[in-house]
Amino acid sequence: MVEPRTLSEQDLAEVRAELSAGKPSTVWFTPASVGVPTGGSAKVVSLGDAPVGEFIQVRPAGSRDTMFCSPGELTRTRPPRKRKPQPPEPAETPTSPPAPSPPRTPTADKAPPSAPAPAPAPAAAKSPDRRRPSGVTVTLTGSAEGEWTVEVTIGRKRAVRPTPVQPADIAQAARSLPTAVTDAIEASLDAARQRQVERVEQLRVELEAAQRALEELSG
């Protein structure tokens, strides 16, 4: 089986041009893709600015979720449709005339015994939809300076890259979480707030010293 040609630089340029024109491009998943069926189709939603790693955001057919892929996981070549195998034609055999039936003797007609009704066939188990993600992971990250980001991963694919979040929104969301989580987040916010207060005080002292030096130079 010939492996499909993955997205090249020219393919990415064409996809970017089609997105700019408002025409989402159709791509298909290669065997390198994970968590989706090989040969399944998807629409390209966006392309990252830096062509590094999984920077192509797509929406698989029949799904509302999006996922990030690398060029090696996608192709612009439509996979061939699988043809159903045709049953072999029966071979012709010579037929002979039917043999004459023997004479019937008068006997009492007996009805043949009724055969038991066949048991109903068990319902076929539905195969799981491979396009559905196995789970969603939401990651909050806070820095020592009080900057927060959120990242979302669906299955093994990153759906939302690290996105800045306001500390006030983090504090509001923490109030609806378990007590241990709320205490940890509020402790981090308090520490970042105290560092900012100390920084403001230090800047105020430096500003006053600079103001005095300016007055001395002006006098």
N, C-alpha and C. Protein backbone atom coordinates (compact mmCIF):
# COMPACT_ATOMS: atom_id res chain seq x y z
N MET A 1 0.85 -1.20 0.00
CA MET A 1 0.00 0.00 0.00
C MET A 1 0.88 1.25 0.00
N VAL A 2 0.61 2.16 -0.92
CA VAL A 2 1.42 3.37 -1.03
C VAL A 2 0.98 4.38 0.03
N GLU A 3 1.94 4.89 0.81
CA GLU A 3 1.64 5.88 1.83
C GLU A 3 1.22 7.19 1.18
N PRO A 4 0.20 7.89 1.70
CA PRO A 4 -0.22 9.16 1.10
C PRO A 4 0.83 10.24 1.30
N ARG A 5 0.88 11.17 0.34
CA ARG A 5 1.84 12.26 0.43
C ARG A 5 1.37 13.26 1.48
N THR A 6 2.23 13.53 2.48
CA THR A 6 1.87 14.46 3.55
C THR A 6 1.98 15.90 3.06
N LEU A 7 1.53 16.85 3.91
CA LEU A 7 1.49 18.26 3.51
C LEU A 7 2.90 18.80 3.30
N SER A 8 3.12 19.40 2.13
CA SER A 8 4.39 20.03 1.81
C SER A 8 4.30 21.53 2.05
N GLU A 9 5.43 22.22 1.83
CA GLU A 9 5.42 23.68 1.98
C GLU A 9 4.44 24.32 0.99
N GLN A 10 4.38 23.77 -0.24
CA GLN A 10 3.45 24.30 -1.23
C GLN A 10 2.00 24.06 -0.81
N ASP A 11 1.73 22.85 -0.25
CA ASP A 11 0.37 22.58 0.24
C ASP A 11 -0.02 23.56 1.34
N LEU A 12 0.90 23.83 2.29
CA LEU A 12 0.60 24.75 3.38
C LEU A 12 0.34 26.15 2.85
N ALA A 13 1.09 26.57 1.82
CA ALA A 13 0.87 27.89 1.24
C ALA A 13 -0.50 27.96 0.58
N GLU A 14 -0.90 26.89 -0.12
CA GLU A 14 -2.23 26.88 -0.74
C GLU A 14 -3.33 26.89 0.31
N VAL A 15 -3.16 26.12 1.39
CA VAL A 15 -4.16 26.11 2.47
C VAL A 15 -4.28 27.48 3.11
N ARG A 16 -3.13 28.14 3.34
CA ARG A 16 -3.17 29.48 3.95
C ARG A 16 -3.90 30.47 3.03
N ALA A 17 -3.67 30.36 1.71
CA ALA A 17 -4.35 31.24 0.77
C ALA A 17 -5.84 30.98 0.75
N GLU A 18 -6.25 29.71 0.82
CA GLU A 18 -7.68 29.39 0.83
C GLU A 18 -8.34 29.88 2.10
N LEU A 19 -7.64 29.79 3.25
CA LEU A 19 -8.21 30.32 4.48
C LEU A 19 -8.39 31.83 4.40
N SER A 20 -7.43 32.53 3.80
CA SER A 20 -7.54 33.98 3.66
C SER A 20 -8.72 34.36 2.78
N ALA A 21 -9.04 33.49 1.80
CA ALA A 21 -10.17 33.75 0.91
C ALA A 21 -11.49 33.27 1.50
N GLY A 22 -11.48 32.73 2.72
CA GLY A 22 -12.70 32.26 3.36
C GLY A 22 -13.16 30.91 2.87
N LYS A 23 -12.24 30.10 2.34
CA LYS A 23 -12.59 28.77 1.85
C LYS A 23 -11.81 27.73 2.65
N PRO A 24 -12.40 27.14 3.69
CA PRO A 24 -11.68 26.14 4.48
C PRO A 24 -11.26 24.95 3.62
N SER A 25 -10.02 24.53 3.75
CA SER A 25 -9.50 23.41 2.96
C SER A 25 -9.87 22.08 3.61
N THR A 26 -10.06 21.08 2.76
CA THR A 26 -10.32 19.72 3.24
C THR A 26 -9.03 18.92 3.20
N VAL A 27 -8.74 18.23 4.30
CA VAL A 27 -7.56 17.36 4.39
C VAL A 27 -8.00 16.01 4.92
N TRP A 28 -7.10 15.03 4.82
CA TRP A 28 -7.40 13.68 5.29
C TRP A 28 -6.29 13.22 6.24
N PHE A 29 -6.62 12.39 7.22
CA PHE A 29 -5.67 11.92 8.21
C PHE A 29 -4.82 10.78 7.63
N THR A 30 -3.53 10.82 7.91
CA THR A 30 -2.60 9.77 7.49
C THR A 30 -2.45 8.74 8.61
N PRO A 31 -1.78 7.61 8.36
CA PRO A 31 -1.56 6.63 9.44
C PRO A 31 -0.77 7.18 10.61
N ALA A 32 -0.08 8.34 10.44
CA ALA A 32 0.69 8.91 11.55
C ALA A 32 -0.19 9.61 12.57
N SER A 33 -1.46 9.89 12.23
CA SER A 33 -2.35 10.58 13.16
C SER A 33 -2.74 9.65 14.29
N VAL A 34 -3.03 10.23 15.47
CA VAL A 34 -3.35 9.46 16.66
C VAL A 34 -4.76 9.84 17.14
N GLY A 35 -5.58 8.83 17.45
CA GLY A 35 -6.90 9.09 18.02
C GLY A 35 -7.98 9.33 16.99
N VAL A 36 -7.67 9.28 15.70
CA VAL A 36 -8.64 9.49 14.63
C VAL A 36 -8.44 8.39 13.58
N PRO A 37 -9.49 8.03 12.82
CA PRO A 37 -9.35 6.97 11.82
C PRO A 37 -8.53 7.43 10.62
N THR A 38 -7.65 6.56 10.15
CA THR A 38 -6.86 6.87 8.95
C THR A 38 -7.78 7.00 7.75
N GLY A 39 -7.59 8.06 6.96
CA GLY A 39 -8.42 8.31 5.80
C GLY A 39 -9.63 9.17 6.09
N GLY A 40 -9.88 9.48 7.38
CA GLY A 40 -10.98 10.36 7.71
C GLY A 40 -10.69 11.79 7.27
N SER A 41 -11.75 12.54 6.95
CA SER A 41 -11.57 13.89 6.46
C SER A 41 -11.73 14.91 7.59
N ALA A 42 -11.23 16.12 7.36
CA ALA A 42 -11.32 17.21 8.32
C ALA A 42 -11.20 18.53 7.57
N LYS A 43 -11.68 19.61 8.20
CA LYS A 43 -11.57 20.96 7.66
C LYS A 43 -10.49 21.72 8.43
N VAL A 44 -9.63 22.43 7.70
CA VAL A 44 -8.60 23.23 8.33
C VAL A 44 -9.24 24.51 8.89
N VAL A 45 -9.04 24.74 10.18
CA VAL A 45 -9.60 25.93 10.84
C VAL A 45 -8.61 27.08 10.84
N SER A 46 -7.34 26.82 11.15
CA SER A 46 -6.34 27.88 11.19
C SER A 46 -4.96 27.25 11.08
N LEU A 47 -3.98 28.12 10.75
CA LEU A 47 -2.58 27.73 10.70
C LEU A 47 -1.80 28.63 11.64
N GLY A 48 -0.87 28.05 12.41
CA GLY A 48 -0.05 28.85 13.31
C GLY A 48 0.93 29.72 12.54
N ASP A 49 1.38 30.80 13.20
CA ASP A 49 2.32 31.70 12.55
C ASP A 49 3.66 31.01 12.31
N ALA A 50 4.13 30.24 13.28
CA ALA A 50 5.41 29.55 13.15
C ALA A 50 5.15 28.09 12.79
N PRO A 51 5.58 27.63 11.60
CA PRO A 51 5.34 26.24 11.19
C PRO A 51 6.20 25.25 11.95
N VAL A 52 5.94 25.08 13.24
CA VAL A 52 6.73 24.19 14.09
C VAL A 52 5.78 23.29 14.85
N GLY A 53 6.02 21.97 14.82
CA GLY A 53 5.23 21.03 15.60
C GLY A 53 3.79 20.96 15.12
N GLU A 54 2.86 20.88 16.06
CA GLU A 54 1.42 20.75 15.74
C GLU A 54 0.81 22.16 15.68
N PHE A 55 0.92 22.78 14.51
CA PHE A 55 0.45 24.16 14.36
C PHE A 55 -0.75 24.26 13.42
N ILE A 56 -1.29 23.12 12.98
CA ILE A 56 -2.44 23.11 12.07
C ILE A 56 -3.68 22.72 12.87
N GLN A 57 -4.64 23.63 12.99
CA GLN A 57 -5.87 23.36 13.75
C GLN A 57 -6.95 22.89 12.77
N VAL A 58 -7.51 21.69 13.01
CA VAL A 58 -8.51 21.11 12.13
C VAL A 58 -9.73 20.69 12.94
N ARG A 59 -10.86 20.53 12.22
CA ARG A 59 -12.10 20.01 12.84
C ARG A 59 -12.48 18.75 12.08
N PRO A 60 -12.39 17.54 12.71
CA PRO A 60 -12.75 16.30 12.01
C PRO A 60 -14.21 16.31 11.57
N ALA A 61 -14.50 15.63 10.48
CA ALA A 61 -15.87 15.53 9.97
C ALA A 61 -16.77 14.87 11.00
N GLY A 62 -17.95 15.45 11.20
CA GLY A 62 -18.91 14.90 12.16
C GLY A 62 -18.63 15.25 13.60
N SER A 63 -17.66 16.14 13.88
CA SER A 63 -17.31 16.52 15.25
C SER A 63 -17.32 18.03 15.38
N ARG A 64 -17.67 18.51 16.58
CA ARG A 64 -17.63 19.94 16.86
C ARG A 64 -16.31 20.37 17.47
N ASP A 65 -15.50 19.41 17.91
CA ASP A 65 -14.22 19.72 18.55
C ASP A 65 -13.14 19.94 17.50
N THR A 66 -12.12 20.69 17.87
CA THR A 66 -10.97 20.90 17.01
C THR A 66 -9.73 20.27 17.65
N MET A 67 -8.71 20.04 16.85
CA MET A 67 -7.48 19.44 17.33
C MET A 67 -6.31 20.00 16.52
N PHE A 68 -5.12 19.93 17.09
CA PHE A 68 -3.91 20.42 16.43
C PHE A 68 -3.13 19.23 15.88
N CYS A 69 -2.63 19.37 14.65
CA CYS A 69 -1.88 18.32 13.98
C CYS A 69 -0.62 18.90 13.36
N SER A 70 0.31 18.01 13.03
CA SER A 70 1.52 18.37 12.31
C SER A 70 1.32 18.03 10.84
N PRO A 71 2.17 18.56 9.93
CA PRO A 71 2.01 18.26 8.50
C PRO A 71 2.09 16.77 8.20
N GLY A 72 2.88 16.00 8.98
CA GLY A 72 3.00 14.58 8.71
C GLY A 72 1.74 13.78 9.01
N GLU A 73 0.78 14.39 9.73
CA GLU A 73 -0.45 13.68 10.08
C GLU A 73 -1.58 13.96 9.09
N LEU A 74 -1.34 14.82 8.09
CA LEU A 74 -2.40 15.23 7.16
C LEU A 74 -1.92 15.09 5.72
N THR A 75 -2.88 14.99 4.81
CA THR A 75 -2.58 14.94 3.39
C THR A 75 -3.70 15.63 2.62
N ARG A 76 -3.35 16.17 1.44
CA ARG A 76 -4.36 16.78 0.57
C ARG A 76 -4.86 15.78 -0.46
N THR A 77 -4.31 14.57 -0.45
CA THR A 77 -4.69 13.54 -1.42
C THR A 77 -5.88 12.75 -0.87
N ARG A 78 -6.98 12.76 -1.59
CA ARG A 78 -8.17 12.03 -1.15
C ARG A 78 -7.93 10.53 -1.25
N PRO A 79 -8.16 9.77 -0.18
CA PRO A 79 -7.93 8.32 -0.24
C PRO A 79 -8.93 7.64 -1.16
N PRO A 80 -8.53 6.57 -1.88
CA PRO A 80 -9.46 5.87 -2.78
C PRO A 80 -10.57 5.19 -1.99
N ARG A 81 -11.74 5.16 -2.59
CA ARG A 81 -12.88 4.49 -1.95
C ARG A 81 -12.71 2.98 -2.03
N LYS A 82 -13.07 2.30 -0.94
CA LYS A 82 -12.97 0.85 -0.90
C LYS A 82 -14.14 0.24 -1.66
N ARG A 83 -13.82 -0.64 -2.62
CA ARG A 83 -14.87 -1.31 -3.39
C ARG A 83 -15.30 -2.59 -2.69
N LYS A 84 -16.61 -2.82 -2.72
CA LYS A 84 -17.14 -4.04 -2.10
C LYS A 84 -16.84 -5.23 -3.00
N PRO A 85 -16.35 -6.34 -2.44
CA PRO A 85 -16.06 -7.51 -3.28
C PRO A 85 -17.33 -8.09 -3.88
N GLN A 86 -17.27 -8.41 -5.19
CA GLN A 86 -18.42 -8.98 -5.88
C GLN A 86 -18.43 -10.49 -5.69
N PRO A 87 -19.60 -11.11 -5.43
CA PRO A 87 -19.66 -12.57 -5.28
C PRO A 87 -19.37 -13.26 -6.60
N PRO A 88 -18.65 -14.39 -6.58
CA PRO A 88 -18.36 -15.10 -7.85
C PRO A 88 -19.63 -15.63 -8.49
N GLU A 89 -19.62 -15.59 -9.84
CA GLU A 89 -20.79 -16.10 -10.57
C GLU A 89 -20.80 -17.63 -10.52
N PRO A 90 -21.96 -18.23 -10.33
CA PRO A 90 -22.03 -19.70 -10.28
C PRO A 90 -21.68 -20.32 -11.61
N ALA A 91 -20.93 -21.41 -11.58
CA ALA A 91 -20.55 -22.11 -12.81
C ALA A 91 -21.75 -22.87 -13.38
N GLU A 92 -21.84 -22.83 -14.72
CA GLU A 92 -22.94 -23.53 -15.38
C GLU A 92 -22.65 -25.03 -15.41
N THR A 93 -23.62 -25.81 -15.01
CA THR A 93 -23.49 -27.28 -15.02
C THR A 93 -24.58 -27.86 -15.91
N PRO A 94 -24.28 -28.92 -16.65
CA PRO A 94 -25.33 -29.54 -17.50
C PRO A 94 -26.44 -30.12 -16.66
N THR A 95 -27.65 -29.91 -17.11
CA THR A 95 -28.83 -30.42 -16.40
C THR A 95 -29.37 -31.64 -17.12
N SER A 96 -29.91 -32.56 -16.35
CA SER A 96 -30.51 -33.77 -16.93
C SER A 96 -32.00 -33.72 -16.69
N PRO A 97 -32.77 -34.34 -17.53
CA PRO A 97 -34.23 -34.31 -17.34
C PRO A 97 -34.61 -34.98 -16.03
N PRO A 98 -35.63 -34.47 -15.37
CA PRO A 98 -36.03 -35.05 -14.08
C PRO A 98 -36.51 -36.49 -14.25
N ALA A 99 -36.18 -37.32 -13.25
CA ALA A 99 -36.61 -38.71 -13.28
C ALA A 99 -38.09 -38.79 -13.00
N PRO A 100 -38.76 -39.72 -13.62
CA PRO A 100 -40.21 -39.85 -13.36
C PRO A 100 -40.46 -40.23 -11.92
N SER A 101 -41.50 -39.65 -11.36
CA SER A 101 -41.83 -39.93 -9.98
C SER A 101 -42.52 -41.27 -9.87
N PRO A 102 -42.26 -42.03 -8.79
CA PRO A 102 -42.91 -43.34 -8.64
C PRO A 102 -44.39 -43.17 -8.36
N PRO A 103 -45.18 -44.17 -8.72
CA PRO A 103 -46.63 -44.05 -8.46
C PRO A 103 -46.92 -43.99 -6.98
N ARG A 104 -47.88 -43.14 -6.64
CA ARG A 104 -48.25 -42.97 -5.24
C ARG A 104 -49.28 -44.01 -4.85
N THR A 105 -49.10 -44.54 -3.68
CA THR A 105 -50.09 -45.44 -3.12
C THR A 105 -50.98 -44.65 -2.21
N PRO A 106 -52.26 -44.98 -2.18
CA PRO A 106 -53.17 -44.20 -1.33
C PRO A 106 -52.83 -44.37 0.14
N THR A 107 -52.36 -43.34 0.72
CA THR A 107 -52.04 -43.33 2.15
C THR A 107 -52.66 -42.11 2.77
N ALA A 108 -52.75 -42.15 4.06
CA ALA A 108 -53.32 -41.00 4.78
C ALA A 108 -52.31 -39.86 4.75
N ASP A 109 -52.77 -38.68 4.36
CA ASP A 109 -51.89 -37.52 4.33
C ASP A 109 -51.56 -37.09 5.75
N LYS A 110 -50.26 -36.99 5.99
CA LYS A 110 -49.80 -36.53 7.30
C LYS A 110 -49.09 -35.21 7.15
N ALA A 111 -49.45 -34.28 8.00
CA ALA A 111 -48.79 -32.96 7.96
C ALA A 111 -47.39 -33.08 8.54
N PRO A 112 -46.38 -32.50 7.88
CA PRO A 112 -45.02 -32.58 8.42
C PRO A 112 -44.91 -31.85 9.75
N PRO A 113 -44.06 -32.37 10.63
CA PRO A 113 -43.92 -31.68 11.94
C PRO A 113 -43.39 -30.27 11.74
N SER A 114 -43.94 -29.36 12.53
CA SER A 114 -43.52 -27.95 12.41
C SER A 114 -42.14 -27.77 13.02
N ALA A 115 -41.28 -27.04 12.28
CA ALA A 115 -39.92 -26.78 12.78
C ALA A 115 -39.96 -25.65 13.80
N PRO A 116 -39.11 -25.74 14.82
CA PRO A 116 -39.10 -24.65 15.83
C PRO A 116 -38.65 -23.33 15.20
N ALA A 117 -39.25 -22.25 15.70
CA ALA A 117 -38.90 -20.93 15.18
C ALA A 117 -37.45 -20.60 15.52
N PRO A 118 -36.70 -20.04 14.56
CA PRO A 118 -35.29 -19.72 14.85
C PRO A 118 -35.19 -18.63 15.92
N ALA A 119 -34.16 -18.80 16.76
CA ALA A 119 -33.95 -17.79 17.82
C ALA A 119 -33.50 -16.48 17.20
N PRO A 120 -33.98 -15.35 17.75
CA PRO A 120 -33.57 -14.05 17.19
C PRO A 120 -32.06 -13.85 17.33
N ALA A 121 -31.47 -13.32 16.27
CA ALA A 121 -30.02 -13.07 16.29
C ALA A 121 -29.71 -11.94 17.26
N PRO A 122 -28.62 -12.08 18.03
CA PRO A 122 -28.26 -11.00 18.97
C PRO A 122 -27.92 -9.72 18.22
N ALA A 123 -28.29 -8.61 18.82
CA ALA A 123 -28.01 -7.31 18.20
C ALA A 123 -26.51 -7.09 18.13
N ALA A 124 -26.06 -6.60 16.99
CA ALA A 124 -24.63 -6.34 16.82
C ALA A 124 -24.21 -5.19 17.72
N ALA A 125 -23.09 -5.40 18.39
CA ALA A 125 -22.59 -4.34 19.27
C ALA A 125 -22.06 -3.18 18.44
N LYS A 126 -22.42 -2.00 18.84
CA LYS A 126 -21.96 -0.81 18.14
C LYS A 126 -20.50 -0.56 18.44
N SER A 127 -19.77 -0.35 17.38
CA SER A 127 -18.34 -0.04 17.58
C SER A 127 -18.20 1.37 18.09
N PRO A 128 -17.26 1.61 19.00
CA PRO A 128 -17.08 2.97 19.54
C PRO A 128 -16.64 3.94 18.46
N ASP A 129 -17.12 5.16 18.58
CA ASP A 129 -16.74 6.23 17.65
C ASP A 129 -15.33 6.68 17.97
N ARG A 130 -14.38 6.36 17.06
CA ARG A 130 -12.97 6.70 17.34
C ARG A 130 -12.73 8.21 17.25
N ARG A 131 -13.68 8.92 16.67
CA ARG A 131 -13.46 10.36 16.55
C ARG A 131 -13.75 11.11 17.84
N ARG A 132 -14.40 10.42 18.79
CA ARG A 132 -14.68 11.09 20.05
C ARG A 132 -13.44 11.11 20.93
N PRO A 133 -13.08 12.24 21.53
CA PRO A 133 -11.88 12.30 22.37
C PRO A 133 -12.07 11.48 23.63
N SER A 134 -10.94 10.97 24.15
CA SER A 134 -11.00 10.12 25.34
C SER A 134 -11.15 10.93 26.61
N GLY A 135 -10.82 12.18 26.62
CA GLY A 135 -10.93 13.00 27.82
C GLY A 135 -10.41 14.40 27.57
N VAL A 136 -10.74 15.31 28.49
CA VAL A 136 -10.33 16.71 28.38
C VAL A 136 -9.50 17.06 29.61
N THR A 137 -8.34 17.68 29.40
CA THR A 137 -7.46 18.10 30.47
C THR A 137 -7.28 19.62 30.41
N VAL A 138 -7.61 20.32 31.50
CA VAL A 138 -7.46 21.77 31.60
C VAL A 138 -6.34 22.06 32.60
N THR A 139 -5.32 22.80 32.16
CA THR A 139 -4.15 23.08 32.98
C THR A 139 -4.03 24.58 33.22
N LEU A 140 -4.01 24.98 34.51
CA LEU A 140 -3.79 26.37 34.91
C LEU A 140 -2.35 26.50 35.40
N THR A 141 -1.66 27.54 34.92
CA THR A 141 -0.26 27.76 35.30
C THR A 141 -0.12 29.20 35.76
N GLY A 142 0.45 29.39 36.96
CA GLY A 142 0.68 30.73 37.51
C GLY A 142 2.16 30.98 37.72
N SER A 143 2.64 32.17 37.35
CA SER A 143 4.05 32.52 37.54
C SER A 143 4.24 33.26 38.85
N ALA A 144 5.50 33.47 39.22
CA ALA A 144 5.80 34.19 40.46
C ALA A 144 5.37 35.65 40.38
N GLU A 145 5.26 36.19 39.17
CA GLU A 145 4.84 37.60 39.01
C GLU A 145 3.33 37.74 38.97
N GLY A 146 2.58 36.62 39.12
CA GLY A 146 1.13 36.71 39.14
C GLY A 146 0.49 36.59 37.77
N GLU A 147 1.21 36.11 36.77
CA GLU A 147 0.65 35.92 35.44
C GLU A 147 0.14 34.48 35.32
N TRP A 148 -1.08 34.33 34.78
CA TRP A 148 -1.74 33.03 34.70
C TRP A 148 -2.05 32.71 33.24
N THR A 149 -1.96 31.41 32.91
CA THR A 149 -2.34 30.92 31.59
C THR A 149 -3.16 29.65 31.75
N VAL A 150 -4.00 29.35 30.73
CA VAL A 150 -4.80 28.14 30.72
C VAL A 150 -4.53 27.40 29.42
N GLU A 151 -4.49 26.07 29.50
CA GLU A 151 -4.22 25.21 28.34
C GLU A 151 -5.18 24.03 28.38
N VAL A 152 -5.74 23.65 27.20
CA VAL A 152 -6.72 22.57 27.12
C VAL A 152 -6.18 21.49 26.18
N THR A 153 -6.24 20.23 26.63
CA THR A 153 -5.81 19.08 25.83
C THR A 153 -6.97 18.10 25.74
N ILE A 154 -7.31 17.68 24.52
CA ILE A 154 -8.37 16.70 24.29
C ILE A 154 -7.72 15.41 23.84
N GLY A 155 -7.84 14.37 24.67
CA GLY A 155 -7.14 13.13 24.37
C GLY A 155 -5.64 13.36 24.45
N ARG A 156 -4.94 13.14 23.34
CA ARG A 156 -3.50 13.38 23.26
C ARG A 156 -3.18 14.60 22.40
N LYS A 157 -4.21 15.35 22.01
CA LYS A 157 -4.02 16.51 21.16
C LYS A 157 -4.29 17.80 21.93
N ARG A 158 -3.44 18.80 21.73
CA ARG A 158 -3.63 20.09 22.38
C ARG A 158 -4.64 20.90 21.59
N ALA A 159 -5.80 21.18 22.20
CA ALA A 159 -6.87 21.91 21.53
C ALA A 159 -6.73 23.41 21.72
N VAL A 160 -6.24 23.88 22.88
CA VAL A 160 -6.07 25.31 23.17
C VAL A 160 -4.65 25.51 23.67
N ARG A 161 -3.90 26.35 22.98
CA ARG A 161 -2.54 26.66 23.40
C ARG A 161 -2.58 27.52 24.67
N PRO A 162 -1.47 27.62 25.42
CA PRO A 162 -1.46 28.46 26.63
C PRO A 162 -1.96 29.87 26.35
N THR A 163 -3.06 30.25 27.00
CA THR A 163 -3.74 31.52 26.77
C THR A 163 -3.74 32.32 28.08
N PRO A 164 -3.37 33.63 28.04
CA PRO A 164 -3.37 34.43 29.27
C PRO A 164 -4.77 34.56 29.87
N VAL A 165 -4.83 34.53 31.21
CA VAL A 165 -6.08 34.68 31.95
C VAL A 165 -5.84 35.71 33.06
N GLN A 166 -6.81 36.59 33.28
CA GLN A 166 -6.70 37.62 34.31
C GLN A 166 -6.72 36.98 35.71
N PRO A 167 -5.85 37.46 36.62
CA PRO A 167 -5.85 36.90 37.97
C PRO A 167 -7.21 37.01 38.66
N ALA A 168 -7.97 38.08 38.35
CA ALA A 168 -9.30 38.22 38.97
C ALA A 168 -10.22 37.09 38.55
N ASP A 169 -10.12 36.66 37.30
CA ASP A 169 -10.95 35.54 36.84
C ASP A 169 -10.52 34.24 37.52
N ILE A 170 -9.20 34.08 37.74
CA ILE A 170 -8.71 32.89 38.43
C ILE A 170 -9.24 32.86 39.86
N ALA A 171 -9.21 34.02 40.53
CA ALA A 171 -9.69 34.07 41.91
C ALA A 171 -11.18 33.76 41.98
N GLN A 172 -11.96 34.25 41.02
CA GLN A 172 -13.40 33.98 41.02
C GLN A 172 -13.69 32.51 40.77
N ALA A 173 -12.95 31.89 39.82
CA ALA A 173 -13.17 30.48 39.53
C ALA A 173 -12.73 29.59 40.70
N ALA A 174 -11.71 30.02 41.45
CA ALA A 174 -11.20 29.21 42.56
C ALA A 174 -12.24 29.05 43.67
N ARG A 175 -13.14 30.01 43.80
CA ARG A 175 -14.13 29.95 44.89
C ARG A 175 -15.12 28.79 44.71
N SER A 176 -15.28 28.29 43.47
CA SER A 176 -16.21 27.19 43.23
C SER A 176 -15.52 25.83 43.20
N LEU A 177 -14.22 25.80 43.47
CA LEU A 177 -13.46 24.56 43.47
C LEU A 177 -13.33 24.00 44.89
N PRO A 178 -12.82 22.78 45.06
CA PRO A 178 -12.63 22.23 46.41
C PRO A 178 -11.74 23.12 47.26
N THR A 179 -11.90 23.03 48.58
CA THR A 179 -11.21 23.93 49.51
C THR A 179 -9.70 23.87 49.35
N ALA A 180 -9.14 22.68 49.18
CA ALA A 180 -7.68 22.56 49.05
C ALA A 180 -7.17 23.30 47.82
N VAL A 181 -7.92 23.20 46.72
CA VAL A 181 -7.52 23.89 45.50
C VAL A 181 -7.67 25.40 45.68
N THR A 182 -8.78 25.81 46.31
CA THR A 182 -9.00 27.25 46.54
C THR A 182 -7.90 27.85 47.39
N ASP A 183 -7.51 27.16 48.47
CA ASP A 183 -6.46 27.67 49.36
C ASP A 183 -5.12 27.81 48.61
N ALA A 184 -4.80 26.82 47.77
CA ALA A 184 -3.52 26.86 47.04
C ALA A 184 -3.49 28.03 46.06
N ILE A 185 -4.60 28.24 45.34
CA ILE A 185 -4.63 29.34 44.36
C ILE A 185 -4.61 30.69 45.06
N GLU A 186 -5.38 30.84 46.15
CA GLU A 186 -5.39 32.12 46.86
C GLU A 186 -4.04 32.42 47.48
N ALA A 187 -3.33 31.38 47.96
CA ALA A 187 -1.99 31.60 48.52
C ALA A 187 -1.04 32.10 47.45
N SER A 188 -1.14 31.55 46.24
CA SER A 188 -0.29 32.01 45.14
C SER A 188 -0.62 33.44 44.75
N LEU A 189 -1.92 33.78 44.72
CA LEU A 189 -2.33 35.15 44.38
C LEU A 189 -1.86 36.14 45.45
N ASP A 190 -1.97 35.76 46.73
CA ASP A 190 -1.52 36.65 47.81
C ASP A 190 -0.01 36.89 47.73
N ALA A 191 0.75 35.83 47.43
CA ALA A 191 2.19 35.99 47.33
C ALA A 191 2.57 36.90 46.18
N ALA A 192 1.88 36.74 45.02
CA ALA A 192 2.16 37.61 43.88
C ALA A 192 1.77 39.06 44.19
N ARG A 193 0.65 39.23 44.93
CA ARG A 193 0.21 40.58 45.29
C ARG A 193 1.22 41.26 46.21
N GLN A 194 1.76 40.49 47.19
CA GLN A 194 2.75 41.05 48.11
C GLN A 194 4.03 41.45 47.38
N ARG A 195 4.43 40.62 46.38
CA ARG A 195 5.63 40.98 45.62
C ARG A 195 5.42 42.27 44.82
N GLN A 196 4.22 42.46 44.32
CA GLN A 196 3.94 43.68 43.57
C GLN A 196 3.94 44.90 44.50
N VAL A 197 3.42 44.73 45.73
CA VAL A 197 3.44 45.84 46.69
C VAL A 197 4.88 46.22 47.02
N GLU A 198 5.74 45.23 47.25
CA GLU A 198 7.15 45.52 47.55
C GLU A 198 7.83 46.19 46.37
N ARG A 199 7.47 45.77 45.16
CA ARG A 199 8.08 46.39 43.99
C ARG A 199 7.65 47.85 43.85
N VAL A 200 6.36 48.12 44.10
CA VAL A 200 5.87 49.50 44.02
C VAL A 200 6.58 50.37 45.05
N GLU A 201 6.77 49.83 46.26
CA GLU A 201 7.45 50.60 47.30
C GLU A 201 8.90 50.88 46.90
N GLN A 202 9.55 49.90 46.31
CA GLN A 202 10.93 50.10 45.88
C GLN A 202 11.02 51.14 44.77
N LEU A 203 10.07 51.09 43.84
CA LEU A 203 10.06 52.08 42.77
C LEU A 203 9.79 53.48 43.32
N ARG A 204 8.94 53.58 44.37
CA ARG A 204 8.64 54.88 44.96
C ARG A 204 9.91 55.48 45.59
N VAL A 205 10.68 54.63 46.30
CA VAL A 205 11.92 55.11 46.91
C VAL A 205 12.90 55.57 45.84
N GLU A 206 13.02 54.78 44.75
CA GLU A 206 13.92 55.18 43.67
C GLU A 206 13.46 56.46 43.00
N LEU A 207 12.14 56.62 42.86
CA LEU A 207 11.63 57.83 42.24
C LEU A 207 11.92 59.06 43.11
N GLU A 208 11.75 58.94 44.42
CA GLU A 208 12.04 60.07 45.31
C GLU A 208 13.53 60.42 45.27
N ALA A 209 14.41 59.41 45.24
CA ALA A 209 15.85 59.69 45.16
C ALA A 209 16.19 60.38 43.85
N ALA A 210 15.58 59.93 42.74
CA ALA A 210 15.83 60.57 41.46
C ALA A 210 15.31 62.00 41.44
N GLN A 211 14.17 62.24 42.10
CA GLN A 211 13.61 63.60 42.16
C GLN A 211 14.53 64.54 42.93
N ARG A 212 15.09 64.06 44.04
CA ARG A 212 16.02 64.90 44.81
C ARG A 212 17.29 65.19 44.01
N ALA A 213 17.78 64.18 43.30
CA ALA A 213 18.98 64.41 42.49
C ALA A 213 18.70 65.42 41.40
N LEU A 214 17.49 65.38 40.81
CA LEU A 214 17.14 66.36 39.78
C LEU A 214 17.04 67.75 40.33
N GLU A 215 16.49 67.88 41.54
CA GLU A 215 16.38 69.21 42.16
C GLU A 215 17.76 69.78 42.48
N GLU A 216 18.69 68.93 42.93
CA GLU A 216 20.03 69.40 43.24
C GLU A 216 20.75 69.86 41.97
N LEU A 217 20.53 69.11 40.87
CA LEU A 217 21.16 69.53 39.62
C LEU A 217 20.52 70.80 39.07
N SER A 218 19.25 71.00 39.32
CA SER A 218 18.58 72.19 38.82
C SER A 218 18.93 73.42 39.65
N GLY A 219 19.22 73.24 40.98
CA GLY A 219 19.53 74.37 41.83
C GLY A 219 20.91 74.91 41.58
